[in-house]
């Protein structure tokens, strides 16, 4: 069994050595191949860099616009609640806020 094991080890070593040599040769060939899309890749890289530069300022302005819209939406909901409360109970009713809701307010008629 010792000779069979040595033969198998030698065959495995030979195949792995040739596999590594093929890999090295393929890498050499790939490095020598002329790139037809290199100009396109460089242009795409430039466009991506410009988009990344613009996106920092765009993100800041988009965040600011979103915050303004959220604040306007919250103010609109608050004013709608207040208008409905005054219309339902009159101007003498207690004022609803975010922390003190209409259901907690006692109205005496």
Protein backbone atom coordinates (compact mmCIF):
# COMPACT_ATOMS: atom_id res chain seq x y z
CA UNK A 1 0.00 0.00 0.00
CA UNK A 2 2.92 2.33 0.55
CA UNK A 3 3.88 2.36 -3.13
CA UNK A 4 0.28 2.97 -4.23
CA UNK A 5 -0.02 5.86 -1.78
CA UNK A 6 3.26 7.36 -3.02
CA UNK A 7 2.08 7.00 -6.64
CA UNK A 8 -1.20 8.75 -5.82
CA UNK A 9 0.64 11.54 -3.97
CA UNK A 10 3.02 12.03 -6.90
CA UNK A 11 0.14 12.14 -9.39
CA UNK A 12 -1.74 14.64 -7.22
CA UNK A 13 1.38 16.79 -6.91
CA UNK A 14 1.97 16.65 -10.69
CA UNK A 15 -1.62 17.61 -11.51
CA UNK A 16 -1.66 20.45 -8.99
CA UNK A 17 1.68 21.73 -10.33
CA UNK A 18 0.36 21.77 -13.91
CA UNK A 19 -2.89 23.36 -12.77
CA UNK A 20 -0.90 26.16 -11.10
CA UNK A 21 1.22 26.61 -14.23
CA UNK A 22 -1.91 26.84 -16.39
CA UNK A 23 -3.33 29.46 -14.04
CA UNK A 24 -0.12 31.52 -14.23
CA UNK A 25 -0.07 31.26 -18.03
CA UNK A 26 -3.71 32.34 -18.26
CA UNK A 27 -2.99 35.37 -16.08
CA UNK A 28 -0.07 36.30 -18.32
CA UNK A 29 -2.26 35.97 -21.41
CA UNK A 30 -5.01 38.09 -19.86
CA UNK A 31 -2.52 40.81 -19.00
CA UNK A 32 -1.25 40.83 -22.60
CA UNK A 33 -4.68 40.99 -24.23
CA UNK A 34 -5.52 44.41 -25.60
CA UNK A 35 -8.55 45.95 -23.92
CA UNK A 36 -11.18 47.13 -26.40
CA UNK A 37 -13.42 48.62 -23.71
CA UNK A 38 -10.74 50.48 -21.75
CA UNK A 39 -11.80 53.88 -23.08
CA UNK A 40 -15.40 53.12 -22.23
CA UNK A 41 -14.42 51.96 -18.75
CA UNK A 42 -12.42 55.14 -18.16
CA UNK A 43 -15.33 57.31 -19.31
CA UNK A 44 -17.71 55.41 -17.04
CA UNK A 45 -15.31 55.85 -14.12
CA UNK A 46 -15.18 59.61 -14.75
CA UNK A 47 -18.97 59.82 -14.86
CA UNK A 48 -19.26 57.84 -11.63
CA UNK A 49 -16.79 60.18 -9.91
CA UNK A 50 -18.74 63.24 -11.06
CA UNK A 51 -22.00 61.68 -9.89
CA UNK A 52 -20.46 60.94 -6.50
CA UNK A 53 -19.30 64.55 -6.17
CA UNK A 54 -22.74 65.89 -7.08
CA UNK A 55 -24.53 63.46 -4.83
CA UNK A 56 -23.01 64.90 -1.64
CA UNK A 57 -24.55 68.33 -2.29
CA UNK A 58 -27.70 66.78 -3.68
CA UNK A 59 -28.12 64.61 -0.58
CA UNK A 60 -27.80 67.65 1.67
CA UNK A 61 -30.38 69.67 -0.29
CA UNK A 62 -32.70 66.68 -0.59
CA UNK A 63 -32.52 66.13 3.16
CA UNK A 64 -33.28 69.81 3.80
CA UNK A 65 -36.27 69.73 1.44
CA UNK A 66 -37.56 66.55 3.04
CA UNK A 67 -37.30 68.06 6.52
CA UNK A 68 -39.19 71.18 5.41
CA UNK A 69 -41.91 69.02 3.87
CA UNK A 70 -42.20 66.94 7.04
CA UNK A 71 -42.45 70.07 9.18
CA UNK A 72 -45.10 71.53 6.86
CA UNK A 73 -47.04 68.25 7.00
CA UNK A 74 -46.92 68.21 10.79
CA UNK A 75 -48.00 71.84 10.97
CA UNK A 76 -50.85 71.14 8.53
CA UNK A 77 -52.11 68.24 10.67
CA UNK A 78 -51.87 70.39 13.81
CA UNK A 79 -53.81 73.26 12.22
CA UNK A 80 -56.47 70.87 10.87
CA UNK A 81 -57.00 69.37 14.32
CA UNK A 82 -57.18 72.80 15.86
CA UNK A 83 -59.69 74.05 13.26
CA UNK A 84 -61.90 70.98 13.70
CA UNK A 85 -61.77 71.28 17.47
CA UNK A 86 -62.74 74.95 17.41
CA UNK A 87 -65.51 74.25 14.88
CA UNK A 88 -66.91 71.43 17.02
CA UNK A 89 -66.67 72.98 20.48
CA UNK A 90 -66.41 76.69 19.83
CA UNK A 91 -63.56 79.02 20.60
CA UNK A 92 -63.93 78.51 24.36
CA UNK A 93 -62.79 74.90 24.22
CA UNK A 94 -59.32 73.98 25.37
CA UNK A 95 -56.62 74.00 22.75
CA UNK A 96 -55.29 70.65 21.58
CA UNK A 97 -51.55 70.19 21.30
CA UNK A 98 -49.37 67.25 20.46
CA UNK A 99 -49.11 66.23 24.12
CA UNK A 100 -52.63 67.16 25.25
CA UNK A 101 -55.16 65.58 22.90
CA UNK A 102 -58.78 66.53 22.27
CA UNK A 103 -60.09 63.44 24.05
CA UNK A 104 -58.32 64.46 27.28
CA UNK A 105 -59.90 67.91 27.27
CA UNK A 106 -63.07 68.37 29.35
CA UNK A 107 -65.56 70.70 27.70
CA UNK A 108 -68.45 72.04 29.79
CA UNK A 109 -71.48 73.36 27.91
